[in-house]
C-alpha atoms as a PDB file:
ATOM      1  CA  UNK A   1       3.829 -15.260 -52.412  1.00  0.00           C
ATOM      2  CA  UNK A   2       3.671 -16.446 -48.888  1.00  0.00           C
ATOM      3  CA  UNK A   3       6.807 -17.689 -46.900  1.00  0.00           C
ATOM      4  CA  UNK A   4       6.663 -21.469 -45.170  1.00  0.00           C
ATOM      5  CA  UNK A   5       7.370 -19.153 -42.218  1.00  0.00           C
ATOM      6  CA  UNK A   6       4.461 -16.922 -42.112  1.00  0.00           C
ATOM      7  CA  UNK A   7       2.297 -19.834 -42.584  1.00  0.00           C
ATOM      8  CA  UNK A   8       4.326 -22.285 -40.020  1.00  0.00           C
ATOM      9  CA  UNK A   9       3.988 -19.203 -37.646  1.00  0.00           C
ATOM     10  CA  UNK A  10      -0.366 -18.621 -38.630  1.00  0.00           C
ATOM     11  CA  UNK A  11      -0.842 -22.271 -37.955  1.00  0.00           C
ATOM     12  CA  UNK A  12       0.824 -21.904 -34.695  1.00  0.00           C
ATOM     13  CA  UNK A  13      -1.334 -19.038 -33.560  1.00  0.00           C
ATOM     14  CA  UNK A  14      -4.337 -20.921 -35.218  1.00  0.00           C
ATOM     15  CA  UNK A  15      -3.742 -24.206 -33.088  1.00  0.00           C
ATOM     16  CA  UNK A  16      -2.951 -22.077 -29.483  1.00  0.00           C
ATOM     17  CA  UNK A  17      -6.186 -22.683 -27.331  1.00  0.00           C
ATOM     18  CA  UNK A  18      -7.717 -19.204 -26.829  1.00  0.00           C
ATOM     19  CA  UNK A  19      -7.502 -17.895 -22.971  1.00  0.00           C
ATOM     20  CA  UNK A  20     -10.757 -18.884 -20.745  1.00  0.00           C
ATOM     21  CA  UNK A  21     -12.041 -15.831 -18.618  1.00  0.00           C
ATOM     22  CA  UNK A  22     -12.957 -16.722 -15.366  1.00  0.00           C
ATOM     23  CA  UNK A  23     -14.980 -14.965 -13.527  1.00  0.00           C
ATOM     24  CA  UNK A  24     -13.512 -12.776 -10.420  1.00  0.00           C
ATOM     25  CA  UNK A  25     -14.195 -13.945  -7.244  1.00  0.00           C
ATOM     26  CA  UNK A  26     -17.625 -13.090  -5.930  1.00  0.00           C
ATOM     27  CA  UNK A  27     -18.758 -13.769  -2.060  1.00  0.00           C
ATOM     28  CA  UNK A  28     -22.003 -14.189  -3.356  1.00  0.00           C
ATOM     29  CA  UNK A  29     -21.710 -16.476  -5.344  1.00  0.00           C
ATOM     30  CA  UNK A  30     -19.439 -18.047  -3.404  1.00  0.00           C
ATOM     31  CA  UNK A  31     -22.183 -18.779  -0.217  1.00  0.00           C
ATOM     32  CA  UNK A  32     -24.540 -19.889  -2.874  1.00  0.00           C
ATOM     33  CA  UNK A  33     -21.936 -22.605  -4.252  1.00  0.00           C
ATOM     34  CA  UNK A  34     -21.274 -23.405  -0.528  1.00  0.00           C
ATOM     35  CA  UNK A  35     -25.448 -23.970  -0.002  1.00  0.00           C
ATOM     36  CA  UNK A  36     -26.569 -20.489   0.696  1.00  0.00           C
ATOM     37  CA  UNK A  37     -27.529 -18.883   3.628  1.00  0.00           C
ATOM     38  CA  UNK A  38     -28.453 -22.321   5.327  1.00  0.00           C
ATOM     39  CA  UNK A  39     -24.575 -22.706   5.014  1.00  0.00           C
ATOM     40  CA  UNK A  40     -23.979 -19.872   7.450  1.00  0.00           C
ATOM     41  CA  UNK A  41     -23.035 -20.578  10.926  1.00  0.00           C
ATOM     42  CA  UNK A  42     -23.265 -17.881  13.659  1.00  0.00           C
ATOM     43  CA  UNK A  43     -21.084 -17.357  16.653  1.00  0.00           C
ATOM     44  CA  UNK A  44     -21.421 -14.721  19.525  1.00  0.00           C
ATOM     45  CA  UNK A  45     -18.618 -12.784  21.323  1.00  0.00           C
ATOM     46  CA  UNK A  46     -16.252 -15.296  22.756  1.00  0.00           C
ATOM     47  CA  UNK A  47     -17.434 -18.489  20.775  1.00  0.00           C
ATOM     48  CA  UNK A  48     -14.780 -20.593  20.014  1.00  0.00           C
ATOM     49  CA  UNK A  49     -14.834 -21.971  16.590  1.00  0.00           C
ATOM     50  CA  UNK A  50     -12.495 -24.355  16.129  1.00  0.00           C
ATOM     51  CA  UNK A  51      -9.927 -25.195  18.977  1.00  0.00           C
ATOM     52  CA  UNK A  52      -6.665 -26.421  18.616  1.00  0.00           C
ATOM     53  CA  UNK A  53      -6.320 -30.530  18.568  1.00  0.00           C
ATOM     54  CA  UNK A  54     -10.135 -30.500  16.899  1.00  0.00           C
ATOM     55  CA  UNK A  55     -10.285 -32.546  13.472  1.00  0.00           C
ATOM     56  CA  UNK A  56      -9.270 -30.252  10.896  1.00  0.00           C
ATOM     57  CA  UNK A  57     -12.021 -30.760   8.209  1.00  0.00           C
ATOM     58  CA  UNK A  58     -13.227 -27.363   6.854  1.00  0.00           C
ATOM     59  CA  UNK A  59     -12.223 -24.081   5.105  1.00  0.00           C
ATOM     60  CA  UNK A  60     -13.715 -21.311   6.624  1.00  0.00           C
ATOM     61  CA  UNK A  61     -14.748 -18.003   5.258  1.00  0.00           C
ATOM     62  CA  UNK A  62     -16.112 -14.922   7.224  1.00  0.00           C
ATOM     63  CA  UNK A  63     -19.278 -13.714   5.792  1.00  0.00           C
ATOM     64  CA  UNK A  64     -19.047 -11.043   8.910  1.00  0.00           C
ATOM     65  CA  UNK A  65     -17.699 -10.910  11.849  1.00  0.00           C
ATOM     66  CA  UNK A  66     -13.920 -10.467  13.346  1.00  0.00           C
ATOM     67  CA  UNK A  67     -12.449 -13.886  14.364  1.00  0.00           C
ATOM     68  CA  UNK A  68      -9.327 -13.957  16.579  1.00  0.00           C
ATOM     69  CA  UNK A  69      -6.645 -16.914  15.811  1.00  0.00           C
ATOM     70  CA  UNK A  70      -4.291 -17.721  18.133  1.00  0.00           C
ATOM     71  CA  UNK A  71      -1.465 -20.769  19.046  1.00  0.00           C
ATOM     72  CA  UNK A  72      -0.432 -22.318  22.419  1.00  0.00           C
ATOM     73  CA  UNK A  73       2.981 -22.696  23.285  1.00  0.00           C
ATOM     74  CA  UNK A  74       4.358 -26.121  24.429  1.00  0.00           C
ATOM     75  CA  UNK A  75       4.472 -24.724  27.631  1.00  0.00           C
ATOM     76  CA  UNK A  76       1.191 -23.959  27.866  1.00  0.00           C
ATOM     77  CA  UNK A  77       1.206 -19.531  26.774  1.00  0.00           C
ATOM     78  CA  UNK A  78      -0.941 -18.844  24.154  1.00  0.00           C
ATOM     79  CA  UNK A  79      -0.912 -16.033  21.172  1.00  0.00           C
ATOM     80  CA  UNK A  80      -3.082 -13.976  19.156  1.00  0.00           C
ATOM     81  CA  UNK A  81      -1.583 -14.996  15.601  1.00  0.00           C
ATOM     82  CA  UNK A  82      -3.729 -13.152  13.597  1.00  0.00           C
ATOM     83  CA  UNK A  83      -7.183 -10.876  13.955  1.00  0.00           C
ATOM     84  CA  UNK A  84      -9.814 -11.435  10.912  1.00  0.00           C
ATOM     85  CA  UNK A  85     -12.717 -10.133   9.398  1.00  0.00           C
ATOM     86  CA  UNK A  86     -15.367  -9.400   6.810  1.00  0.00           C
ATOM     87  CA  UNK A  87     -13.882 -11.324   3.570  1.00  0.00           C
ATOM     88  CA  UNK A  88     -11.257 -13.594   5.190  1.00  0.00           C
ATOM     89  CA  UNK A  89     -10.268 -17.153   4.828  1.00  0.00           C
ATOM     90  CA  UNK A  90      -8.844 -19.123   7.440  1.00  0.00           C
ATOM     91  CA  UNK A  91      -8.421 -22.969   8.654  1.00  0.00           C
ATOM     92  CA  UNK A  92      -7.338 -23.847   5.266  1.00  0.00           C
ATOM     93  CA  UNK A  93      -4.466 -25.882   6.955  1.00  0.00           C
ATOM     94  CA  UNK A  94      -6.762 -28.918   6.045  1.00  0.00           C
ATOM     95  CA  UNK A  95      -6.157 -28.604   2.413  1.00  0.00           C
ATOM     96  CA  UNK A  96      -2.565 -29.453   2.773  1.00  0.00           C
ATOM     97  CA  UNK A  97      -2.916 -32.290   4.604  1.00  0.00           C
ATOM     98  CA  UNK A  98      -3.544 -31.437   8.102  1.00  0.00           C
ATOM     99  CA  UNK A  99      -5.492 -34.297  10.522  1.00  0.00           C
ATOM    100  CA  UNK A 100      -5.626 -31.972  13.482  1.00  0.00           C
ATOM    101  CA  UNK A 101      -5.889 -27.896  14.551  1.00  0.00           C
ATOM    102  CA  UNK A 102      -2.534 -26.399  15.790  1.00  0.00           C
ATOM    103  CA  UNK A 103      -4.142 -22.971  16.686  1.00  0.00           C
ATOM    104  CA  UNK A 104      -7.669 -22.002  18.247  1.00  0.00           C
ATOM    105  CA  UNK A 105     -10.343 -19.362  16.520  1.00  0.00           C
ATOM    106  CA  UNK A 106     -12.389 -17.160  18.580  1.00  0.00           C
ATOM    107  CA  UNK A 107     -15.414 -15.055  17.433  1.00  0.00           C
ATOM    108  CA  UNK A 108     -14.209 -11.235  19.097  1.00  0.00           C
ATOM    109  CA  UNK A 109     -17.894  -9.919  17.804  1.00  0.00           C
ATOM    110  CA  UNK A 110     -20.939 -10.994  16.248  1.00  0.00           C
ATOM    111  CA  UNK A 111     -19.805 -13.084  13.425  1.00  0.00           C
ATOM    112  CA  UNK A 112     -21.701 -15.505  10.713  1.00  0.00           C
ATOM    113  CA  UNK A 113     -18.576 -18.605   9.009  1.00  0.00           C
ATOM    114  CA  UNK A 114     -18.930 -20.350   6.046  1.00  0.00           C
ATOM    115  CA  UNK A 115     -17.344 -23.805   6.730  1.00  0.00           C
ATOM    116  CA  UNK A 116     -16.885 -25.745   3.323  1.00  0.00           C
ATOM    117  CA  UNK A 117     -15.525 -29.172   3.626  1.00  0.00           C
ATOM    118  CA  UNK A 118     -11.679 -30.422   2.332  1.00  0.00           C
ATOM    119  CA  UNK A 119     -12.767 -31.939  -0.342  1.00  0.00           C
ATOM    120  CA  UNK A 120     -14.996 -29.649  -2.029  1.00  0.00           C
ATOM    121  CA  UNK A 121     -13.120 -26.584  -1.621  1.00  0.00           C
ATOM    122  CA  UNK A 122     -10.166 -28.552  -3.230  1.00  0.00           C
ATOM    123  CA  UNK A 123     -12.248 -29.231  -6.174  1.00  0.00           C
ATOM    124  CA  UNK A 124     -14.079 -25.303  -5.953  1.00  0.00           C
ATOM    125  CA  UNK A 125     -10.492 -24.116  -6.331  1.00  0.00           C
ATOM    126  CA  UNK A 126      -9.677 -26.193  -9.259  1.00  0.00           C
ATOM    127  CA  UNK A 127     -12.505 -25.377 -11.589  1.00  0.00           C
ATOM    128  CA  UNK A 128     -12.977 -21.661 -10.193  1.00  0.00           C
ATOM    129  CA  UNK A 129      -9.821 -19.602 -11.274  1.00  0.00           C
ATOM    130  CA  UNK A 130     -11.191 -16.380 -10.068  1.00  0.00           C
ATOM    131  CA  UNK A 131     -11.639 -18.327  -6.483  1.00  0.00           C
ATOM    132  CA  UNK A 132      -8.163 -19.396  -6.688  1.00  0.00           C
ATOM    133  CA  UNK A 133      -6.142 -16.784  -7.458  1.00  0.00           C
ATOM    134  CA  UNK A 134      -8.491 -14.459  -4.933  1.00  0.00           C
ATOM    135  CA  UNK A 135      -7.648 -17.252  -2.251  1.00  0.00           C
ATOM    136  CA  UNK A 136      -4.011 -17.738  -2.854  1.00  0.00           C
ATOM    137  CA  UNK A 137      -3.545 -13.558  -2.772  1.00  0.00           C
ATOM    138  CA  UNK A 138      -5.312 -13.542   0.458  1.00  0.00           C
ATOM    139  CA  UNK A 139      -2.908 -16.035   2.182  1.00  0.00           C
ATOM    140  CA  UNK A 140      -0.005 -15.181   1.057  1.00  0.00           C
ATOM    141  CA  UNK A 141      -1.206 -11.729   2.116  1.00  0.00           C
ATOM    142  CA  UNK A 142      -2.308 -13.024   5.652  1.00  0.00           C
ATOM    143  CA  UNK A 143       1.240 -14.978   6.167  1.00  0.00           C
ATOM    144  CA  UNK A 144       3.114 -12.028   5.327  1.00  0.00           C
ATOM    145  CA  UNK A 145       1.486  -9.844   7.644  1.00  0.00           C
ATOM    146  CA  UNK A 146       1.642 -12.517  10.392  1.00  0.00           C
ATOM    147  CA  UNK A 147       5.589 -12.157   9.294  1.00  0.00           C
ATOM    148  CA  UNK A 148       5.508  -8.446  10.118  1.00  0.00           C
ATOM    149  CA  UNK A 149       3.884  -8.799  13.299  1.00  0.00           C
ATOM    150  CA  UNK A 150       6.413 -11.918  14.896  1.00  0.00           C
ATOM    151  CA  UNK A 151       9.115  -8.876  13.691  1.00  0.00           C
ATOM    152  CA  UNK A 152       7.226  -6.386  15.491  1.00  0.00           C
ATOM    153  CA  UNK A 153       7.194  -8.997  18.800  1.00  0.00           C
ATOM    154  CA  UNK A 154      10.558  -8.923  18.993  1.00  0.00           C
ATOM    155  CA  UNK A 155      11.663  -5.153  17.382  1.00  0.00           C
ATOM    156  CA  UNK A 156       9.036  -3.088  17.781  1.00  0.00           C
ATOM    157  CA  UNK A 157       7.408  -0.784  20.239  1.00  0.00           C
ATOM    158  CA  UNK A 158       4.545  -1.506  22.344  1.00  0.00           C
ATOM    159  CA  UNK A 159       2.466   0.971  21.129  1.00  0.00           C
ATOM    160  CA  UNK A 160       2.803   0.584  17.362  1.00  0.00           C
ATOM    161  CA  UNK A 161       2.205  -2.819  17.649  1.00  0.00           C
ATOM    162  CA  UNK A 162      -1.334  -1.874  19.598  1.00  0.00           C
ATOM    163  CA  UNK A 163      -2.117   0.771  17.083  1.00  0.00           C
ATOM    164  CA  UNK A 164      -1.321  -1.694  14.188  1.00  0.00           C
ATOM    165  CA  UNK A 165      -3.827  -4.109  16.496  1.00  0.00           C
ATOM    166  CA  UNK A 166      -6.161  -1.330  16.392  1.00  0.00           C
ATOM    167  CA  UNK A 167      -5.818  -0.456  12.401  1.00  0.00           C
ATOM    168  CA  UNK A 168      -5.850  -4.042  11.350  1.00  0.00           C
ATOM    169  CA  UNK A 169      -9.123  -4.862  13.290  1.00  0.00           C
ATOM    170  CA  UNK A 170     -11.019  -1.693  11.485  1.00  0.00           C
ATOM    171  CA  UNK A 171      -9.708  -2.956   8.137  1.00  0.00           C
ATOM    172  CA  UNK A 172      -8.081   0.483   6.973  1.00  0.00           C
ATOM    173  CA  UNK A 173      -5.926  -1.091   3.919  1.00  0.00           C
ATOM    174  CA  UNK A 174      -9.291  -2.176   2.174  1.00  0.00           C
ATOM    175  CA  UNK A 175     -11.061   0.908  -0.388  1.00  0.00           C
ATOM    176  CA  UNK A 176     -14.719  -0.517   0.713  1.00  0.00           C
ATOM    177  CA  UNK A 177     -13.081  -0.837   4.656  1.00  0.00           C
ATOM    178  CA  UNK A 178     -16.595   0.262   7.158  1.00  0.00           C
ATOM    179  CA  UNK A 179     -15.748   2.849   9.503  1.00  0.00           C
ATOM    180  CA  UNK A 180     -13.487   2.948  11.137  1.00  0.00           C
ATOM    181  CA  UNK A 181     -15.220   1.880  14.574  1.00  0.00           C
ATOM    182  CA  UNK A 182     -13.886  -1.417  16.882  1.00  0.00           C
ATOM    183  CA  UNK A 183     -16.020  -3.287  19.153  1.00  0.00           C
ATOM    184  CA  UNK A 184     -15.543  -2.819  22.664  1.00  0.00           C
ATOM    185  CA  UNK A 185     -12.519  -5.030  23.974  1.00  0.00           C
ATOM    186  CA  UNK A 186     -10.736  -5.539  27.013  1.00  0.00           C
ATOM    187  CA  UNK A 187      -7.647  -3.980  27.571  1.00  0.00           C
ATOM    188  CA  UNK A 188      -6.650  -7.449  28.280  1.00  0.00           C
ATOM    189  CA  UNK A 189      -7.216  -8.922  24.872  1.00  0.00           C
ATOM    190  CA  UNK A 190      -5.912  -5.682  23.046  1.00  0.00           C
ATOM    191  CA  UNK A 191      -2.539  -6.557  24.712  1.00  0.00           C
ATOM    192  CA  UNK A 192      -2.598 -10.466  24.373  1.00  0.00           C
ATOM    193  CA  UNK A 193      -3.244  -8.916  20.634  1.00  0.00           C
ATOM    194  CA  UNK A 194      -0.420  -7.000  20.484  1.00  0.00           C
ATOM    195  CA  UNK A 195       2.241  -9.200  22.506  1.00  0.00           C
ATOM    196  CA  UNK A 196       2.194  -6.724  25.487  1.00  0.00           C
ATOM    197  CA  UNK A 197       1.241  -6.350  29.335  1.00  0.00           C
ATOM    198  CA  UNK A 198      -2.268  -5.089  29.983  1.00  0.00           C
ATOM    199  CA  UNK A 199      -0.845  -2.091  32.202  1.00  0.00           C
ATOM    200  CA  UNK A 200       1.166  -1.642  29.262  1.00  0.00           C
ATOM    201  CA  UNK A 201      -1.596  -1.749  26.938  1.00  0.00           C
ATOM    202  CA  UNK A 202      -3.735   0.604  29.260  1.00  0.00           C
ATOM    203  CA  UNK A 203      -1.332   3.174  29.533  1.00  0.00           C
ATOM    204  CA  UNK A 204      -1.187   3.357  25.667  1.00  0.00           C
ATOM    205  CA  UNK A 205      -4.625   3.779  25.336  1.00  0.00           C
ATOM    206  CA  UNK A 206      -4.871   6.114  27.370  1.00  0.00           C
ATOM    207  CA  UNK A 207      -2.196   8.215  25.402  1.00  0.00           C
ATOM    208  CA  UNK A 208      -3.808   7.455  22.048  1.00  0.00           C
ATOM    209  CA  UNK A 209      -6.828   8.800  23.695  1.00  0.00           C
ATOM    210  CA  UNK A 210      -5.098  12.354  24.759  1.00  0.00           C
ATOM    211  CA  UNK A 211      -3.945  12.748  21.358  1.00  0.00           C
ATOM    212  CA  UNK A 212      -7.235  11.912  19.753  1.00  0.00           C
ATOM    213  CA  UNK A 213      -5.627   9.353  17.937  1.00  0.00           C
ATOM    214  CA  UNK A 214      -8.717   7.420  19.166  1.00  0.00           C
ATOM    215  CA  UNK A 215     -11.688   8.216  20.783  1.00  0.00           C
ATOM    216  CA  UNK A 216     -14.419   6.071  23.075  1.00  0.00           C
ATOM    217  CA  UNK A 217     -17.551   5.990  21.733  1.00  0.00           C
ATOM    218  CA  UNK A 218     -20.839   6.222  24.316  1.00  0.00           C
ATOM    219  CA  UNK A 219     -21.330   2.532  24.046  1.00  0.00           C
ATOM    220  CA  UNK A 220     -17.770   1.288  24.674  1.00  0.00           C
ATOM    221  CA  UNK A 221     -16.812   0.774  21.163  1.00  0.00           C
ATOM    222  CA  UNK A 222     -13.426   2.558  20.056  1.00  0.00           C
ATOM    223  CA  UNK A 223     -13.594   5.316  16.938  1.00  0.00           C
ATOM    224  CA  UNK A 224      -9.837   4.476  15.533  1.00  0.00           C
ATOM    225  CA  UNK A 225      -8.881   8.463  13.529  1.00  0.00           C
ATOM    226  CA  UNK A 226      -6.413   8.244  10.556  1.00  0.00           C
ATOM    227  CA  UNK A 227      -3.637   9.956  12.623  1.00  0.00           C
ATOM    228  CA  UNK A 228      -3.434   6.774  14.612  1.00  0.00           C
ATOM    229  CA  UNK A 229      -1.180   5.592  11.060  1.00  0.00           C
ATOM    230  CA  UNK A 230       1.685   7.991  12.158  1.00  0.00           C
ATOM    231  CA  UNK A 231       2.303   6.073  15.378  1.00  0.00           C
ATOM    232  CA  UNK A 232       2.718   2.634  12.714  1.00  0.00           C
ATOM    233  CA  UNK A 233       4.910   4.815  10.432  1.00  0.00           C
ATOM    234  CA  UNK A 234       7.494   6.144  13.312  1.00  0.00           C
ATOM    235  CA  UNK A 235      11.150   5.509  13.022  1.00  0.00           C
END
Protein backbone atom coordinates (compact mmCIF):
# COMPACT_ATOMS: atom_id res chain seq x y z
CA UNK A 1 0.00 0.00 0.00
CA UNK A 2 1.39 3.40 -1.02
CA UNK A 3 1.02 6.10 1.61
CA UNK A 4 -0.40 9.54 0.83
CA UNK A 5 2.92 11.01 2.01
CA UNK A 6 4.81 9.05 -0.64
CA UNK A 7 2.35 10.13 -3.33
CA UNK A 8 2.61 13.76 -2.23
CA UNK A 9 6.43 13.66 -2.29
CA UNK A 10 6.45 12.02 -5.72
CA UNK A 11 4.01 14.62 -7.02
CA UNK A 12 6.19 17.47 -5.82
CA UNK A 13 9.24 15.93 -7.45
CA UNK A 14 7.37 15.49 -10.74
CA UNK A 15 6.08 19.06 -10.60
CA UNK A 16 9.48 20.62 -9.83
CA UNK A 17 10.98 22.15 -12.95
CA UNK A 18 14.21 20.63 -14.16
CA UNK A 19 17.31 22.75 -13.71
CA UNK A 20 18.24 24.50 -16.93
CA UNK A 21 21.87 24.00 -17.78
CA UNK A 22 23.61 27.22 -18.77
CA UNK A 23 26.66 27.05 -21.03
CA UNK A 24 29.83 28.47 -19.47
CA UNK A 25 31.12 31.83 -20.57
CA UNK A 26 32.90 31.78 -23.93
CA UNK A 27 34.89 34.78 -25.14
CA UNK A 28 34.37 33.71 -28.76
CA UNK A 29 30.60 33.41 -28.29
CA UNK A 30 30.51 36.79 -26.56
CA UNK A 31 32.38 38.42 -29.44
CA UNK A 32 30.08 36.79 -31.98
CA UNK A 33 27.02 38.09 -30.12
CA UNK A 34 28.53 41.59 -29.92
CA UNK A 35 29.01 41.71 -33.68
CA UNK A 36 32.11 39.69 -34.44
CA UNK A 37 35.48 41.11 -35.44
CA UNK A 38 33.80 44.27 -36.70
CA UNK A 39 32.82 45.18 -33.13
CA UNK A 40 36.43 45.33 -31.95
CA UNK A 41 37.93 48.78 -31.39
CA UNK A 42 41.73 48.89 -31.43
CA UNK A 43 43.91 51.23 -29.38
CA UNK A 44 47.60 52.04 -29.40
CA UNK A 45 49.61 52.40 -26.17
CA UNK A 46 48.67 55.68 -24.53
CA UNK A 47 45.31 56.04 -26.31
CA UNK A 48 42.39 57.11 -24.13
CA UNK A 49 39.50 54.64 -24.17
CA UNK A 50 37.31 56.98 -22.15
CA UNK A 51 37.87 59.97 -19.87
CA UNK A 52 36.38 61.27 -16.64
CA UNK A 53 33.14 63.07 -17.55
CA UNK A 54 32.45 61.18 -20.78
CA UNK A 55 28.92 59.74 -21.29
CA UNK A 56 28.66 56.34 -19.61
CA UNK A 57 26.86 54.19 -22.18
CA UNK A 58 28.89 51.01 -22.74
CA UNK A 59 30.36 48.07 -20.87
CA UNK A 60 33.75 47.19 -22.32
CA UNK A 61 35.50 43.83 -22.66
CA UNK A 62 39.25 43.52 -23.25
CA UNK A 63 39.70 41.05 -26.09
CA UNK A 64 43.47 41.52 -25.91
CA UNK A 65 45.94 43.97 -24.43
CA UNK A 66 46.01 45.96 -21.21
CA UNK A 67 44.20 48.96 -19.72
CA UNK A 68 44.95 51.23 -16.77
CA UNK A 69 41.93 52.74 -15.02
CA UNK A 70 42.56 55.92 -13.02
CA UNK A 71 40.59 58.28 -10.81
CA UNK A 72 41.04 62.01 -10.24
CA UNK A 73 40.46 63.75 -6.92
CA UNK A 74 38.69 67.09 -6.52
CA UNK A 75 42.05 68.84 -6.26
CA UNK A 76 43.20 67.29 -9.55
CA UNK A 77 45.46 64.52 -8.24
CA UNK A 78 45.19 61.36 -10.37
CA UNK A 79 45.94 57.78 -9.31
CA UNK A 80 45.70 54.42 -11.08
CA UNK A 81 43.07 52.27 -9.34
CA UNK A 82 43.20 49.16 -11.54
CA UNK A 83 45.39 47.53 -14.17
CA UNK A 84 43.30 45.22 -16.36
CA UNK A 85 44.15 42.73 -19.06
CA UNK A 86 42.77 40.23 -21.57
CA UNK A 87 39.40 38.86 -20.50
CA UNK A 88 38.53 41.69 -18.12
CA UNK A 89 35.37 43.80 -18.17
CA UNK A 90 35.32 47.46 -17.20
CA UNK A 91 33.06 50.50 -17.43
CA UNK A 92 30.12 48.60 -15.94
CA UNK A 93 28.87 51.65 -14.01
CA UNK A 94 26.39 52.30 -16.81
CA UNK A 95 24.47 49.19 -15.73
CA UNK A 96 23.71 50.91 -12.42
CA UNK A 97 22.48 54.08 -14.13
CA UNK A 98 25.71 56.05 -13.93
CA UNK A 99 25.29 58.86 -16.50
CA UNK A 100 28.92 60.02 -16.77
CA UNK A 101 32.28 58.29 -16.34
CA UNK A 102 33.97 58.98 -13.01
CA UNK A 103 37.17 57.23 -14.10
CA UNK A 104 39.56 57.40 -17.04
CA UNK A 105 40.83 54.39 -18.97
CA UNK A 106 44.01 54.34 -21.07
CA UNK A 107 45.57 51.52 -23.11
CA UNK A 108 48.97 50.60 -21.66
CA UNK A 109 49.82 48.44 -24.69
CA UNK A 110 48.27 47.66 -28.04
CA UNK A 111 44.73 46.64 -27.14
CA UNK A 112 41.54 45.34 -28.71
CA UNK A 113 38.37 46.28 -26.83
CA UNK A 114 34.75 45.23 -27.42
CA UNK A 115 32.18 47.88 -26.35
CA UNK A 116 28.62 46.71 -25.68
CA UNK A 117 25.76 49.19 -25.31
CA UNK A 118 24.21 49.30 -21.82
CA UNK A 119 20.76 47.94 -22.70
CA UNK A 120 22.17 45.20 -24.90
CA UNK A 121 24.55 44.12 -22.12
CA UNK A 122 21.75 44.09 -19.55
CA UNK A 123 19.63 41.91 -21.84
CA UNK A 124 22.51 39.54 -22.46
CA UNK A 125 23.23 39.19 -18.73
CA UNK A 126 19.55 38.45 -18.13
CA UNK A 127 19.39 35.64 -20.70
CA UNK A 128 22.91 34.20 -20.63
CA UNK A 129 23.43 32.82 -17.14
CA UNK A 130 26.94 31.61 -17.91
CA UNK A 131 27.97 35.14 -18.83
CA UNK A 132 26.11 36.55 -15.83
CA UNK A 133 27.95 34.25 -13.41
CA UNK A 134 31.30 35.05 -15.03
CA UNK A 135 30.62 38.80 -15.03
CA UNK A 136 29.55 38.94 -11.37
CA UNK A 137 32.54 36.87 -10.28
CA UNK A 138 34.88 39.13 -12.25
CA UNK A 139 33.46 42.36 -10.80
CA UNK A 140 33.55 41.05 -7.22
CA UNK A 141 37.11 39.73 -7.60
CA UNK A 142 38.30 43.00 -9.09
CA UNK A 143 36.68 45.02 -6.30
CA UNK A 144 38.38 42.83 -3.69
CA UNK A 145 41.73 43.42 -5.37
CA UNK A 146 41.11 47.17 -5.48
CA UNK A 147 40.32 47.11 -1.76
CA UNK A 148 43.57 45.21 -1.12
CA UNK A 149 45.46 47.81 -3.12
CA UNK A 150 43.84 50.59 -1.10
CA UNK A 151 45.03 48.93 2.11
CA UNK A 152 48.50 48.64 0.59
CA UNK A 153 48.47 52.37 -0.16
CA UNK A 154 48.19 53.02 3.57
CA UNK A 155 50.09 50.12 5.12
CA UNK A 156 52.22 48.35 2.49
CA UNK A 157 55.84 49.04 1.68
CA UNK A 158 56.65 50.59 -1.69
CA UNK A 159 58.51 47.43 -2.73
CA UNK A 160 55.47 45.26 -2.05
CA UNK A 161 53.14 47.60 -3.90
CA UNK A 162 55.45 47.73 -6.90
CA UNK A 163 55.92 43.93 -6.88
CA UNK A 164 52.15 43.44 -6.73
CA UNK A 165 51.67 45.87 -9.61
CA UNK A 166 54.17 44.01 -11.80
CA UNK A 167 52.66 40.63 -10.96
CA UNK A 168 49.13 41.86 -11.67
CA UNK A 169 50.26 43.06 -15.09
CA UNK A 170 51.35 39.49 -15.91
CA UNK A 171 48.04 37.90 -14.74
CA UNK A 172 50.16 35.51 -12.71
CA UNK A 173 47.15 34.08 -10.87
CA UNK A 174 45.50 32.69 -14.00
CA UNK A 175 46.08 29.10 -15.05
CA UNK A 176 46.28 30.06 -18.73
CA UNK A 177 48.36 33.19 -18.19
CA UNK A 178 50.90 34.05 -20.90
CA UNK A 179 54.63 34.28 -20.26
CA UNK A 180 55.53 36.54 -17.39
CA UNK A 181 56.68 39.46 -19.50
CA UNK A 182 55.35 42.99 -19.25
CA UNK A 183 55.71 45.69 -21.90
CA UNK A 184 58.25 48.46 -21.64
CA UNK A 185 56.74 51.06 -19.33
CA UNK A 186 58.35 54.18 -17.81
CA UNK A 187 59.23 54.08 -14.12
CA UNK A 188 57.00 57.13 -13.63
CA UNK A 189 53.97 55.17 -14.85
CA UNK A 190 54.81 52.19 -12.64
CA UNK A 191 55.26 54.55 -9.70
CA UNK A 192 51.80 56.01 -10.31
CA UNK A 193 50.24 52.54 -10.48
CA UNK A 194 51.99 51.49 -7.25
CA UNK A 195 51.26 54.71 -5.39
CA UNK A 196 54.87 55.76 -4.85
CA UNK A 197 57.36 58.23 -6.26
CA UNK A 198 59.33 57.81 -9.48
CA UNK A 199 62.61 57.89 -7.55
CA UNK A 200 61.45 55.19 -5.15
CA UNK A 201 60.12 53.03 -8.00
CA UNK A 202 63.46 53.33 -9.82
CA UNK A 203 65.37 52.23 -6.70
CA UNK A 204 63.01 49.28 -6.21
CA UNK A 205 63.37 48.18 -9.85
CA UNK A 206 67.18 48.31 -9.57
CA UNK A 207 67.01 46.21 -6.41
CA UNK A 208 64.65 43.70 -8.05
CA UNK A 209 67.05 43.45 -10.98
CA UNK A 210 70.08 42.83 -8.73
CA UNK A 211 68.16 40.14 -6.86
CA UNK A 212 67.12 38.56 -10.19
CA UNK A 213 63.45 39.03 -9.42
CA UNK A 214 63.16 40.80 -12.78
CA UNK A 215 65.26 40.90 -15.95
CA UNK A 216 65.39 43.53 -18.66
CA UNK A 217 64.88 42.19 -22.17
CA UNK A 218 66.79 43.64 -25.14
CA UNK A 219 63.62 45.34 -26.41
CA UNK A 220 62.97 47.08 -23.10
CA UNK A 221 60.33 44.71 -21.80
CA UNK A 222 60.55 43.26 -18.30
CA UNK A 223 60.70 39.53 -17.62
CA UNK A 224 59.13 38.79 -14.24
CA UNK A 225 60.52 35.77 -12.38
CA UNK A 226 58.37 33.78 -9.98
CA UNK A 227 60.76 34.66 -7.17
CA UNK A 228 59.18 38.15 -7.12
CA UNK A 229 56.28 36.56 -5.26
CA UNK A 230 58.51 36.39 -2.16
CA UNK A 231 58.43 40.20 -1.96
CA UNK A 232 54.65 40.41 -1.50
CA UNK A 233 54.69 37.46 0.94
CA UNK A 234 57.05 39.18 3.36
CA UNK A 235 55.66 40.10 6.77
